[in-house]
């Protein structure tokens, strides 16, 4: 049951993020939604690339890099949205 404990923490983070999103005004909500879409699509690109390289035995390392990569994609998407709506 200890192995599942981090998942509980991630669910709590998800609930807090959804509450935060509900409190935002329309423009902030749109910017963060665009940033999340960018992060989702960027993550799919990264995971697919990693999968194909691992399948060809060209690249093998732990998938612990995925969370920082997703956050990085979200930050980039948010910066692009902020620049777009200024």
N, C-alpha and C. Protein backbone atom coordinates (compact mmCIF):
# COMPACT_ATOMS: atom_id res chain seq x y z
N UNK A 1 0.82 -1.20 0.00
CA UNK A 1 0.00 0.00 0.00
C UNK A 1 0.85 1.25 0.00
N UNK A 2 2.09 1.13 0.41
CA UNK A 2 2.99 2.29 0.38
C UNK A 2 3.32 2.73 -1.05
N UNK A 3 3.29 1.78 -1.96
CA UNK A 3 3.60 2.12 -3.35
C UNK A 3 2.51 3.01 -3.97
N UNK A 4 1.30 2.95 -3.42
CA UNK A 4 0.19 3.72 -3.96
C UNK A 4 0.11 5.10 -3.31
N UNK A 5 0.84 5.32 -2.26
CA UNK A 5 0.78 6.59 -1.53
C UNK A 5 1.09 7.81 -2.40
N UNK A 6 2.08 7.78 -3.28
CA UNK A 6 2.31 8.94 -4.15
C UNK A 6 1.12 9.23 -5.07
N UNK A 7 0.37 8.22 -5.43
CA UNK A 7 -0.79 8.43 -6.29
C UNK A 7 -1.84 9.25 -5.54
N UNK A 8 -1.99 8.99 -4.25
CA UNK A 8 -2.94 9.77 -3.45
C UNK A 8 -2.53 11.24 -3.44
N UNK A 9 -1.24 11.50 -3.32
CA UNK A 9 -0.75 12.88 -3.34
C UNK A 9 -1.01 13.52 -4.71
N UNK A 10 -0.83 12.76 -5.77
CA UNK A 10 -1.08 13.30 -7.11
C UNK A 10 -2.57 13.58 -7.34
N UNK A 11 -3.43 12.76 -6.76
CA UNK A 11 -4.87 13.03 -6.85
C UNK A 11 -5.20 14.32 -6.11
N UNK A 12 -4.56 14.54 -4.96
CA UNK A 12 -4.77 15.78 -4.21
C UNK A 12 -4.31 16.98 -5.03
N UNK A 13 -3.20 16.88 -5.72
CA UNK A 13 -2.72 17.96 -6.58
C UNK A 13 -3.71 18.21 -7.71
N UNK A 14 -4.27 17.13 -8.27
CA UNK A 14 -5.25 17.28 -9.34
C UNK A 14 -6.50 18.01 -8.85
N UNK A 15 -6.97 17.65 -7.66
CA UNK A 15 -8.15 18.31 -7.10
C UNK A 15 -7.87 19.79 -6.85
N UNK A 16 -6.71 20.10 -6.31
CA UNK A 16 -6.34 21.50 -6.08
C UNK A 16 -6.24 22.28 -7.39
N UNK A 17 -5.70 21.65 -8.43
CA UNK A 17 -5.59 22.32 -9.73
C UNK A 17 -6.96 22.60 -10.31
N UNK A 18 -7.88 21.65 -10.18
CA UNK A 18 -9.23 21.86 -10.70
C UNK A 18 -9.96 22.96 -9.93
N UNK A 19 -9.78 23.01 -8.63
CA UNK A 19 -10.38 24.09 -7.83
C UNK A 19 -9.81 25.44 -8.24
N UNK A 20 -8.52 25.47 -8.45
CA UNK A 20 -7.87 26.71 -8.88
C UNK A 20 -8.40 27.15 -10.24
N UNK A 21 -8.59 26.21 -11.14
CA UNK A 21 -9.09 26.53 -12.48
C UNK A 21 -10.51 27.09 -12.41
N UNK A 22 -11.33 26.57 -11.51
CA UNK A 22 -12.70 27.05 -11.38
C UNK A 22 -12.76 28.48 -10.85
N UNK A 23 -11.76 28.90 -10.10
CA UNK A 23 -11.74 30.25 -9.51
C UNK A 23 -11.21 31.31 -10.47
N UNK A 24 -10.64 30.89 -11.59
CA UNK A 24 -10.04 31.84 -12.52
C UNK A 24 -11.11 32.55 -13.34
N UNK A 25 -10.76 33.74 -13.83
CA UNK A 25 -11.67 34.41 -14.75
C UNK A 25 -11.53 33.78 -16.14
N UNK A 26 -12.32 34.27 -17.09
CA UNK A 26 -12.40 33.63 -18.39
C UNK A 26 -11.08 33.65 -19.15
N UNK A 27 -10.36 34.77 -19.10
CA UNK A 27 -9.09 34.86 -19.83
C UNK A 27 -8.03 33.96 -19.21
N UNK A 28 -7.92 33.98 -17.89
CA UNK A 28 -6.95 33.10 -17.23
C UNK A 28 -7.26 31.64 -17.51
N UNK A 29 -8.53 31.30 -17.46
CA UNK A 29 -8.94 29.92 -17.73
C UNK A 29 -8.57 29.51 -19.15
N UNK A 30 -8.78 30.41 -20.11
CA UNK A 30 -8.44 30.11 -21.50
C UNK A 30 -6.93 29.92 -21.66
N UNK A 31 -6.14 30.79 -21.01
CA UNK A 31 -4.68 30.69 -21.12
C UNK A 31 -4.18 29.38 -20.51
N UNK A 32 -4.69 29.01 -19.35
CA UNK A 32 -4.24 27.78 -18.71
C UNK A 32 -4.73 26.54 -19.46
N UNK A 33 -5.90 26.62 -20.05
CA UNK A 33 -6.40 25.49 -20.85
C UNK A 33 -5.53 25.31 -22.08
N UNK A 34 -5.15 26.41 -22.73
CA UNK A 34 -4.25 26.30 -23.88
C UNK A 34 -2.89 25.75 -23.45
N UNK A 35 -2.41 26.17 -22.29
CA UNK A 35 -1.13 25.66 -21.79
C UNK A 35 -1.21 24.17 -21.50
N UNK A 36 -2.33 23.72 -20.92
CA UNK A 36 -2.50 22.29 -20.65
C UNK A 36 -2.59 21.48 -21.93
N UNK A 37 -3.27 22.04 -22.94
CA UNK A 37 -3.35 21.35 -24.23
C UNK A 37 -1.97 21.23 -24.86
N UNK A 38 -1.18 22.30 -24.77
CA UNK A 38 0.18 22.28 -25.29
C UNK A 38 1.01 21.23 -24.54
N UNK A 39 0.87 21.18 -23.21
CA UNK A 39 1.62 20.22 -22.40
C UNK A 39 1.20 18.79 -22.73
N UNK A 40 -0.10 18.56 -22.92
CA UNK A 40 -0.59 17.23 -23.26
C UNK A 40 -0.02 16.77 -24.59
N UNK A 41 -0.12 17.63 -25.60
CA UNK A 41 0.38 17.26 -26.92
C UNK A 41 1.90 17.13 -26.94
N UNK A 42 2.59 18.02 -26.22
CA UNK A 42 4.04 17.90 -26.12
C UNK A 42 4.46 16.62 -25.42
N UNK A 43 3.71 16.24 -24.40
CA UNK A 43 4.01 14.99 -23.68
C UNK A 43 3.79 13.78 -24.57
N UNK A 44 2.72 13.82 -25.37
CA UNK A 44 2.48 12.71 -26.31
C UNK A 44 3.64 12.59 -27.29
N UNK A 45 4.12 13.73 -27.78
CA UNK A 45 5.26 13.72 -28.70
C UNK A 45 6.50 13.14 -28.04
N UNK A 46 6.78 13.57 -26.81
CA UNK A 46 7.96 13.07 -26.10
C UNK A 46 7.87 11.58 -25.79
N UNK A 47 6.70 11.14 -25.31
CA UNK A 47 6.53 9.73 -24.97
C UNK A 47 6.59 8.86 -26.23
N UNK A 48 5.99 9.31 -27.31
CA UNK A 48 6.04 8.55 -28.56
C UNK A 48 7.47 8.43 -29.08
N UNK A 49 8.19 9.54 -29.06
CA UNK A 49 9.58 9.53 -29.49
C UNK A 49 10.41 8.60 -28.63
N UNK A 50 10.22 8.69 -27.31
CA UNK A 50 10.94 7.80 -26.39
C UNK A 50 10.60 6.34 -26.68
N UNK A 51 9.31 6.06 -26.91
CA UNK A 51 8.90 4.68 -27.18
C UNK A 51 9.52 4.12 -28.44
N UNK A 52 9.54 4.92 -29.51
CA UNK A 52 10.14 4.45 -30.75
C UNK A 52 11.65 4.25 -30.62
N UNK A 53 12.32 5.16 -29.91
CA UNK A 53 13.77 5.01 -29.71
C UNK A 53 14.08 3.82 -28.81
N UNK A 54 13.26 3.58 -27.80
CA UNK A 54 13.46 2.43 -26.92
C UNK A 54 13.18 1.14 -27.68
N UNK A 55 12.19 1.15 -28.55
CA UNK A 55 11.87 -0.03 -29.36
C UNK A 55 13.04 -0.41 -30.26
N UNK A 56 13.75 0.58 -30.75
CA UNK A 56 14.91 0.34 -31.61
C UNK A 56 16.19 0.15 -30.81
N UNK A 57 16.07 0.09 -29.48
CA UNK A 57 17.23 -0.06 -28.57
C UNK A 57 18.26 1.05 -28.74
N UNK A 58 17.80 2.23 -29.09
CA UNK A 58 18.71 3.37 -29.22
C UNK A 58 18.74 4.21 -27.95
N UNK A 59 17.74 4.07 -27.11
CA UNK A 59 17.64 4.93 -25.94
C UNK A 59 16.92 4.17 -24.84
N UNK A 60 17.55 4.06 -23.71
CA UNK A 60 16.88 3.45 -22.56
C UNK A 60 17.31 4.19 -21.30
N UNK A 61 16.37 4.85 -20.68
CA UNK A 61 16.57 5.47 -19.38
C UNK A 61 15.23 5.55 -18.69
N UNK A 62 15.22 5.77 -17.39
CA UNK A 62 13.95 5.74 -16.66
C UNK A 62 12.97 6.81 -17.14
N UNK A 63 11.71 6.55 -16.94
CA UNK A 63 10.67 7.45 -17.40
C UNK A 63 10.38 8.52 -16.35
N UNK A 64 11.22 8.65 -15.34
CA UNK A 64 11.04 9.68 -14.32
C UNK A 64 11.18 11.09 -14.90
N UNK A 65 11.71 11.21 -16.07
CA UNK A 65 11.87 12.51 -16.74
C UNK A 65 10.55 13.04 -17.25
N UNK A 66 9.51 12.19 -17.31
CA UNK A 66 8.26 12.59 -17.93
C UNK A 66 7.56 13.72 -17.16
N UNK A 67 7.50 13.65 -15.85
CA UNK A 67 6.82 14.69 -15.08
C UNK A 67 7.49 16.06 -15.25
N UNK A 68 8.82 16.17 -15.10
CA UNK A 68 9.43 17.48 -15.36
C UNK A 68 9.25 17.95 -16.80
N UNK A 69 9.23 17.02 -17.74
CA UNK A 69 9.01 17.40 -19.14
C UNK A 69 7.60 17.93 -19.34
N UNK A 70 6.62 17.31 -18.69
CA UNK A 70 5.23 17.78 -18.80
C UNK A 70 5.09 19.17 -18.19
N UNK A 71 5.69 19.38 -17.04
CA UNK A 71 5.64 20.70 -16.39
C UNK A 71 6.34 21.73 -17.27
N UNK A 72 7.47 21.35 -17.84
CA UNK A 72 8.17 22.26 -18.75
C UNK A 72 7.33 22.63 -19.97
N UNK A 73 6.64 21.64 -20.53
CA UNK A 73 5.74 21.92 -21.67
C UNK A 73 4.61 22.84 -21.24
N UNK A 74 4.08 22.62 -20.04
CA UNK A 74 3.00 23.49 -19.55
C UNK A 74 3.49 24.93 -19.38
N UNK A 75 4.69 25.09 -18.84
CA UNK A 75 5.25 26.44 -18.66
C UNK A 75 5.46 27.11 -20.01
N UNK A 76 5.99 26.38 -20.97
CA UNK A 76 6.19 26.95 -22.31
C UNK A 76 4.85 27.34 -22.92
N UNK A 77 3.86 26.45 -22.79
CA UNK A 77 2.52 26.76 -23.31
C UNK A 77 1.91 27.97 -22.63
N UNK A 78 2.11 28.10 -21.32
CA UNK A 78 1.57 29.25 -20.59
C UNK A 78 2.26 30.53 -21.02
N UNK A 79 3.57 30.48 -21.21
CA UNK A 79 4.29 31.67 -21.68
C UNK A 79 3.84 32.08 -23.08
N UNK A 80 3.59 31.09 -23.94
CA UNK A 80 3.07 31.40 -25.29
C UNK A 80 1.68 32.01 -25.21
N UNK A 81 0.84 31.49 -24.33
CA UNK A 81 -0.52 32.04 -24.18
C UNK A 81 -0.49 33.43 -23.60
N UNK A 82 0.38 33.67 -22.63
CA UNK A 82 0.51 35.01 -22.05
C UNK A 82 0.95 36.00 -23.11
N UNK A 83 1.92 35.61 -23.92
CA UNK A 83 2.40 36.49 -24.98
C UNK A 83 1.31 36.74 -26.02
N UNK A 84 0.50 35.73 -26.26
CA UNK A 84 -0.56 35.88 -27.26
C UNK A 84 -1.65 36.84 -26.81
N UNK A 85 -1.98 36.84 -25.54
CA UNK A 85 -3.09 37.65 -25.06
C UNK A 85 -2.66 39.00 -24.48
N UNK A 86 -1.41 39.38 -24.62
CA UNK A 86 -0.97 40.70 -24.15
C UNK A 86 -1.31 41.75 -25.13
